[in-house]
Amino acid sequence: MNDTENTIATVTGDVYRAAFECMADKNEVRYYLKGMCLSYKHAELVATNGHILYYGPVDLFERDDQEDLIFEAPKLRFNVVEVRIKKTDIPGRVCIETVTGKGVVDLKMAEVIDGRYPDYRALSFDKGKKYPFNAFGFNAEYLSKLPKMFGKDAALQFEMVSCKTAAYITAAPTSEGKNLPGTLILMPVSMS
């Protein structure tokens, strides 16, 4: 069977793992945040719990004006290097096919979540424009996820971005001097 047969998109294991750490937990009332979003418009995999957001690049095999695909994302084994999101004949399901560094393939079914994912690109950042605030705080629990997302040796290059209603920190992950794919956005829990 061809590796790309029925494939909607492929993503690296690193991007998938980083997005997985940002998903909302099962107790979240906003059910559409309990999964990952495959953005056709931006060719990105996105996940957020409302406080920390990650988006990273995907290779799309279908690129048209489809609605975004939101799906319950299964946890991966550590050594997965590629994830293929595939169509199935079962309504409301996609197949998550994972490939390890040794070529071992694993298949898991994932439920499609019927909903509309927040437009993460609609945040109106005004780079360079200053809005007055003295301090802001972040939940340390979200910062503790960073080693799981990017590895214990990864560093983050932070940039303060503000808009009229809030300040955000965007972080570009790096490891051994190389940029890692994706962008992380941390939303503050308090501002003064």
C-alpha atoms as a PDB file:
ATOM      1  CA  MET A   1       0.000   0.000   0.000  1.00  0.00           C
ATOM      2  CA  ASN A   2       1.243   3.498  -0.846  1.00  0.00           C
ATOM      3  CA  ASP A   3       2.270   5.555   2.228  1.00  0.00           C
ATOM      4  CA  THR A   4       0.301   8.558   0.969  1.00  0.00           C
ATOM      5  CA  GLU A   5      -2.903   6.690   0.123  1.00  0.00           C
ATOM      6  CA  ASN A   6      -5.826   8.382   1.927  1.00  0.00           C
ATOM      7  CA  THR A   7      -3.344  10.730   3.643  1.00  0.00           C
ATOM      8  CA  ILE A   8      -4.705  14.154   4.520  1.00  0.00           C
ATOM      9  CA  ALA A   9      -1.482  15.499   6.066  1.00  0.00           C
ATOM     10  CA  THR A  10       1.860  14.499   7.549  1.00  0.00           C
ATOM     11  CA  VAL A  11       3.585  16.123  10.480  1.00  0.00           C
ATOM     12  CA  THR A  12       6.830  15.440  12.310  1.00  0.00           C
ATOM     13  CA  GLY A  13       6.706  13.681  15.647  1.00  0.00           C
ATOM     14  CA  ASP A  14       8.257  16.782  17.281  1.00  0.00           C
ATOM     15  CA  VAL A  15       5.490  19.106  16.076  1.00  0.00           C
ATOM     16  CA  TYR A  16       2.784  16.599  17.082  1.00  0.00           C
ATOM     17  CA  ARG A  17       4.263  16.143  20.587  1.00  0.00           C
ATOM     18  CA  ALA A  18       4.534  19.912  21.143  1.00  0.00           C
ATOM     19  CA  ALA A  19       0.915  20.412  20.097  1.00  0.00           C
ATOM     20  CA  PHE A  20      -0.213  17.476  22.264  1.00  0.00           C
ATOM     21  CA  GLU A  21       1.189  19.176  25.393  1.00  0.00           C
ATOM     22  CA  CYS A  22      -0.946  22.268  24.718  1.00  0.00           C
ATOM     23  CA  MET A  23      -4.292  20.507  24.299  1.00  0.00           C
ATOM     24  CA  ALA A  24      -6.988  21.046  26.883  1.00  0.00           C
ATOM     25  CA  ASP A  25      -7.608  18.191  29.292  1.00  0.00           C
ATOM     26  CA  LYS A  26     -10.691  15.984  29.242  1.00  0.00           C
ATOM     27  CA  ASN A  27     -12.485  18.160  31.841  1.00  0.00           C
ATOM     28  CA  GLU A  28     -12.507  21.243  29.597  1.00  0.00           C
ATOM     29  CA  VAL A  29     -16.053  22.449  28.881  1.00  0.00           C
ATOM     30  CA  ARG A  30     -15.002  23.902  25.517  1.00  0.00           C
ATOM     31  CA  TYR A  31     -15.067  20.462  23.877  1.00  0.00           C
ATOM     32  CA  TYR A  32     -13.355  21.659  20.684  1.00  0.00           C
ATOM     33  CA  LEU A  33     -10.161  22.409  22.669  1.00  0.00           C
ATOM     34  CA  LYS A  34      -9.868  18.735  23.706  1.00  0.00           C
ATOM     35  CA  GLY A  35      -8.218  17.947  20.396  1.00  0.00           C
ATOM     36  CA  MET A  36      -5.814  19.233  17.787  1.00  0.00           C
ATOM     37  CA  CYS A  37      -6.824  21.335  14.830  1.00  0.00           C
ATOM     38  CA  LEU A  38      -5.456  20.733  11.352  1.00  0.00           C
ATOM     39  CA  SER A  39      -5.638  24.172   9.733  1.00  0.00           C
ATOM     40  CA  TYR A  40      -5.979  23.813   5.969  1.00  0.00           C
ATOM     41  CA  LYS A  41      -5.735  27.573   5.460  1.00  0.00           C
ATOM     42  CA  HIS A  42      -2.356  27.917   7.194  1.00  0.00           C
ATOM     43  CA  ALA A  43      -1.026  24.340   6.731  1.00  0.00           C
ATOM     44  CA  GLU A  44      -0.471  24.058  10.480  1.00  0.00           C
ATOM     45  CA  LEU A  45      -1.275  21.759  13.374  1.00  0.00           C
ATOM     46  CA  VAL A  46      -2.666  23.787  16.276  1.00  0.00           C
ATOM     47  CA  ALA A  47      -3.501  23.042  19.901  1.00  0.00           C
ATOM     48  CA  THR A  48      -4.418  25.233  22.850  1.00  0.00           C
ATOM     49  CA  ASN A  49      -5.968  24.963  26.271  1.00  0.00           C
ATOM     50  CA  GLY A  50      -6.815  28.664  26.314  1.00  0.00           C
ATOM     51  CA  HIS A  51      -3.635  29.645  28.175  1.00  0.00           C
ATOM     52  CA  ILE A  52      -0.832  28.175  26.114  1.00  0.00           C
ATOM     53  CA  LEU A  53      -1.015  27.731  22.342  1.00  0.00           C
ATOM     54  CA  TYR A  54       1.277  25.992  19.871  1.00  0.00           C
ATOM     55  CA  TYR A  55       1.172  25.825  16.111  1.00  0.00           C
ATOM     56  CA  GLY A  56       3.597  24.076  13.800  1.00  0.00           C
ATOM     57  CA  PRO A  57       3.921  23.217  10.105  1.00  0.00           C
ATOM     58  CA  VAL A  58       2.320  20.254   8.346  1.00  0.00           C
ATOM     59  CA  ASP A  59       2.555  18.900   4.811  1.00  0.00           C
ATOM     60  CA  LEU A  60      -0.939  18.840   3.340  1.00  0.00           C
ATOM     61  CA  PHE A  61      -1.918  16.333   0.673  1.00  0.00           C
ATOM     62  CA  GLU A  62      -5.308  17.992   0.277  1.00  0.00           C
ATOM     63  CA  ARG A  63      -5.299  21.747  -0.012  1.00  0.00           C
ATOM     64  CA  ASP A  64      -8.601  23.370  -0.680  1.00  0.00           C
ATOM     65  CA  ASP A  65     -11.099  25.554   1.139  1.00  0.00           C
ATOM     66  CA  GLN A  66     -12.123  22.847   3.569  1.00  0.00           C
ATOM     67  CA  GLU A  67     -13.167  23.536   7.113  1.00  0.00           C
ATOM     68  CA  ASP A  68     -10.451  22.880   9.669  1.00  0.00           C
ATOM     69  CA  LEU A  69     -10.274  19.315  10.953  1.00  0.00           C
ATOM     70  CA  ILE A  70     -10.431  18.957  14.739  1.00  0.00           C
ATOM     71  CA  PHE A  71      -9.641  15.497  16.113  1.00  0.00           C
ATOM     72  CA  GLU A  72      -9.006  13.791  19.441  1.00  0.00           C
ATOM     73  CA  ALA A  73      -5.272  13.250  19.389  1.00  0.00           C
ATOM     74  CA  PRO A  74      -3.806  10.080  20.857  1.00  0.00           C
ATOM     75  CA  LYS A  75      -0.573  10.244  22.830  1.00  0.00           C
ATOM     76  CA  LEU A  76       2.505   9.102  20.918  1.00  0.00           C
ATOM     77  CA  ARG A  77       5.341   6.830  21.841  1.00  0.00           C
ATOM     78  CA  PHE A  78       8.578   8.738  22.362  1.00  0.00           C
ATOM     79  CA  ASN A  79      10.392   7.470  19.252  1.00  0.00           C
ATOM     80  CA  VAL A  80       7.793   8.518  16.646  1.00  0.00           C
ATOM     81  CA  VAL A  81       9.361  10.549  13.840  1.00  0.00           C
ATOM     82  CA  GLU A  82       6.358  11.015  11.528  1.00  0.00           C
ATOM     83  CA  VAL A  83       2.595  11.180  11.960  1.00  0.00           C
ATOM     84  CA  ARG A  84       0.191  10.698   9.057  1.00  0.00           C
ATOM     85  CA  ILE A  85      -3.395  11.846   9.414  1.00  0.00           C
ATOM     86  CA  LYS A  86      -5.543   9.710   7.116  1.00  0.00           C
ATOM     87  CA  LYS A  87      -9.136   9.451   5.954  1.00  0.00           C
ATOM     88  CA  THR A  88     -11.148   6.384   6.899  1.00  0.00           C
ATOM     89  CA  ASP A  89     -14.364   4.815   5.670  1.00  0.00           C
ATOM     90  CA  ILE A  90     -15.805   5.216   9.158  1.00  0.00           C
ATOM     91  CA  PRO A  91     -17.825   8.433   9.495  1.00  0.00           C
ATOM     92  CA  GLY A  92     -16.520  10.800  12.152  1.00  0.00           C
ATOM     93  CA  ARG A  93     -13.108   9.125  12.418  1.00  0.00           C
ATOM     94  CA  VAL A  94      -9.601   9.659  11.118  1.00  0.00           C
ATOM     95  CA  CYS A  95      -6.659   7.300  11.334  1.00  0.00           C
ATOM     96  CA  ILE A  96      -3.475   8.439  13.047  1.00  0.00           C
ATOM     97  CA  GLU A  97      -0.612   6.462  11.557  1.00  0.00           C
ATOM     98  CA  THR A  98       2.718   6.814  13.332  1.00  0.00           C
ATOM     99  CA  VAL A  99       6.150   5.782  12.104  1.00  0.00           C
ATOM    100  CA  THR A 100       9.129   5.263  14.418  1.00  0.00           C
ATOM    101  CA  GLY A 101      12.781   5.812  13.579  1.00  0.00           C
ATOM    102  CA  LYS A 102      13.072   2.064  12.957  1.00  0.00           C
ATOM    103  CA  GLY A 103      10.181   2.104  10.484  1.00  0.00           C
ATOM    104  CA  VAL A 104       7.613   0.500  12.809  1.00  0.00           C
ATOM    105  CA  VAL A 105       4.096   1.616  11.868  1.00  0.00           C
ATOM    106  CA  ASP A 106       1.284   1.915  14.410  1.00  0.00           C
ATOM    107  CA  LEU A 107      -2.345   2.803  13.680  1.00  0.00           C
ATOM    108  CA  LYS A 108      -4.849   4.476  16.004  1.00  0.00           C
ATOM    109  CA  MET A 109      -8.352   5.679  15.309  1.00  0.00           C
ATOM    110  CA  ALA A 110      -9.253   9.203  16.402  1.00  0.00           C
ATOM    111  CA  GLU A 111     -12.667  10.755  16.696  1.00  0.00           C
ATOM    112  CA  VAL A 112     -13.358  13.896  14.685  1.00  0.00           C
ATOM    113  CA  ILE A 113     -14.684  16.696  16.892  1.00  0.00           C
ATOM    114  CA  ASP A 114     -17.576  18.614  15.390  1.00  0.00           C
ATOM    115  CA  GLY A 115     -16.966  22.234  16.244  1.00  0.00           C
ATOM    116  CA  ARG A 116     -15.268  25.436  15.243  1.00  0.00           C
ATOM    117  CA  TYR A 117     -11.717  25.976  16.442  1.00  0.00           C
ATOM    118  CA  PRO A 118     -10.776  29.490  17.620  1.00  0.00           C
ATOM    119  CA  ASP A 119      -9.058  31.610  14.968  1.00  0.00           C
ATOM    120  CA  TYR A 120      -5.616  31.639  16.552  1.00  0.00           C
ATOM    121  CA  ARG A 121      -4.260  33.887  13.783  1.00  0.00           C
ATOM    122  CA  ALA A 122      -6.834  36.614  14.538  1.00  0.00           C
ATOM    123  CA  LEU A 123      -4.984  37.849  17.625  1.00  0.00           C
ATOM    124  CA  SER A 124      -4.346  41.500  16.810  1.00  0.00           C
ATOM    125  CA  PHE A 125      -0.702  41.901  17.724  1.00  0.00           C
ATOM    126  CA  ASP A 126       0.815  45.351  17.393  1.00  0.00           C
ATOM    127  CA  LYS A 127       4.533  44.632  17.295  1.00  0.00           C
ATOM    128  CA  GLY A 128       6.530  47.557  18.560  1.00  0.00           C
ATOM    129  CA  LYS A 129       3.491  49.436  19.835  1.00  0.00           C
ATOM    130  CA  LYS A 130       3.532  49.969  23.596  1.00  0.00           C
ATOM    131  CA  TYR A 131       0.499  49.617  25.818  1.00  0.00           C
ATOM    132  CA  PRO A 132       0.941  50.548  29.472  1.00  0.00           C
ATOM    133  CA  PHE A 133       1.225  47.769  32.032  1.00  0.00           C
ATOM    134  CA  ASN A 134       3.685  47.246  34.861  1.00  0.00           C
ATOM    135  CA  ALA A 135       3.728  43.503  35.347  1.00  0.00           C
ATOM    136  CA  PHE A 136       2.108  40.295  34.254  1.00  0.00           C
ATOM    137  CA  GLY A 137       2.265  36.714  35.472  1.00  0.00           C
ATOM    138  CA  PHE A 138       2.192  33.260  33.934  1.00  0.00           C
ATOM    139  CA  ASN A 139       1.058  29.979  35.358  1.00  0.00           C
ATOM    140  CA  ALA A 140       4.249  28.026  36.114  1.00  0.00           C
ATOM    141  CA  GLU A 141       2.477  24.774  35.238  1.00  0.00           C
ATOM    142  CA  TYR A 142       2.451  25.835  31.586  1.00  0.00           C
ATOM    143  CA  LEU A 143       6.120  26.773  31.635  1.00  0.00           C
ATOM    144  CA  SER A 144       6.906  23.329  33.086  1.00  0.00           C
ATOM    145  CA  LYS A 145       5.541  21.749  29.882  1.00  0.00           C
ATOM    146  CA  LEU A 146       8.317  23.253  27.768  1.00  0.00           C
ATOM    147  CA  PRO A 147      10.874  20.436  28.258  1.00  0.00           C
ATOM    148  CA  LYS A 148       8.195  17.868  27.278  1.00  0.00           C
ATOM    149  CA  MET A 149       7.380  19.889  24.183  1.00  0.00           C
ATOM    150  CA  PHE A 150      10.835  20.690  22.861  1.00  0.00           C
ATOM    151  CA  GLY A 151      13.272  18.509  24.816  1.00  0.00           C
ATOM    152  CA  LYS A 152      15.315  19.257  27.907  1.00  0.00           C
ATOM    153  CA  ASP A 153      18.113  20.884  25.883  1.00  0.00           C
ATOM    154  CA  ALA A 154      15.869  23.245  23.949  1.00  0.00           C
ATOM    155  CA  ALA A 155      16.001  26.972  24.532  1.00  0.00           C
ATOM    156  CA  LEU A 156      13.306  29.510  23.812  1.00  0.00           C
ATOM    157  CA  GLN A 157      13.744  32.933  22.296  1.00  0.00           C
ATOM    158  CA  PHE A 158      10.999  35.020  23.870  1.00  0.00           C
ATOM    159  CA  GLU A 159       9.418  38.088  22.349  1.00  0.00           C
ATOM    160  CA  MET A 160       6.932  40.296  24.149  1.00  0.00           C
ATOM    161  CA  VAL A 161       3.927  41.094  21.976  1.00  0.00           C
ATOM    162  CA  SER A 162       1.134  43.350  23.129  1.00  0.00           C
ATOM    163  CA  CYS A 163      -2.292  44.232  21.917  1.00  0.00           C
ATOM    164  CA  LYS A 164      -4.959  46.499  23.322  1.00  0.00           C
ATOM    165  CA  THR A 165      -6.400  43.946  25.729  1.00  0.00           C
ATOM    166  CA  ALA A 166      -3.444  41.783  26.759  1.00  0.00           C
ATOM    167  CA  ALA A 167       0.225  40.987  26.472  1.00  0.00           C
ATOM    168  CA  TYR A 168       1.530  37.702  25.158  1.00  0.00           C
ATOM    169  CA  ILE A 169       4.881  36.075  24.974  1.00  0.00           C
ATOM    170  CA  THR A 170       5.732  34.279  21.778  1.00  0.00           C
ATOM    171  CA  ALA A 171       8.557  31.795  21.888  1.00  0.00           C
ATOM    172  CA  ALA A 172      10.595  30.337  19.068  1.00  0.00           C
ATOM    173  CA  PRO A 173      12.144  27.033  20.184  1.00  0.00           C
ATOM    174  CA  THR A 174      15.793  26.312  19.392  1.00  0.00           C
ATOM    175  CA  SER A 175      18.107  23.388  20.076  1.00  0.00           C
ATOM    176  CA  GLU A 176      21.837  23.216  19.471  1.00  0.00           C
ATOM    177  CA  GLY A 177      21.691  26.529  17.599  1.00  0.00           C
ATOM    178  CA  LYS A 178      18.988  25.362  15.159  1.00  0.00           C
ATOM    179  CA  ASN A 179      15.441  26.681  15.024  1.00  0.00           C
ATOM    180  CA  LEU A 180      12.788  24.086  15.796  1.00  0.00           C
ATOM    181  CA  PRO A 181       9.499  24.244  13.899  1.00  0.00           C
ATOM    182  CA  GLY A 182       6.511  26.017  15.321  1.00  0.00           C
ATOM    183  CA  THR A 183       5.535  28.900  17.544  1.00  0.00           C
ATOM    184  CA  LEU A 184       4.453  28.879  21.171  1.00  0.00           C
ATOM    185  CA  ILE A 185       2.232  31.608  22.630  1.00  0.00           C
ATOM    186  CA  LEU A 186       1.870  32.001  26.399  1.00  0.00           C
ATOM    187  CA  MET A 187      -1.069  34.032  27.628  1.00  0.00           C
ATOM    188  CA  PRO A 188      -0.693  35.821  30.969  1.00  0.00           C
ATOM    189  CA  VAL A 189      -2.900  35.000  33.931  1.00  0.00           C
ATOM    190  CA  SER A 190      -2.649  38.493  35.380  1.00  0.00           C
ATOM    191  CA  MET A 191      -1.671  41.989  34.301  1.00  0.00           C
ATOM    192  CA  SER A 192      -1.280  45.230  36.173  1.00  0.00           C
END
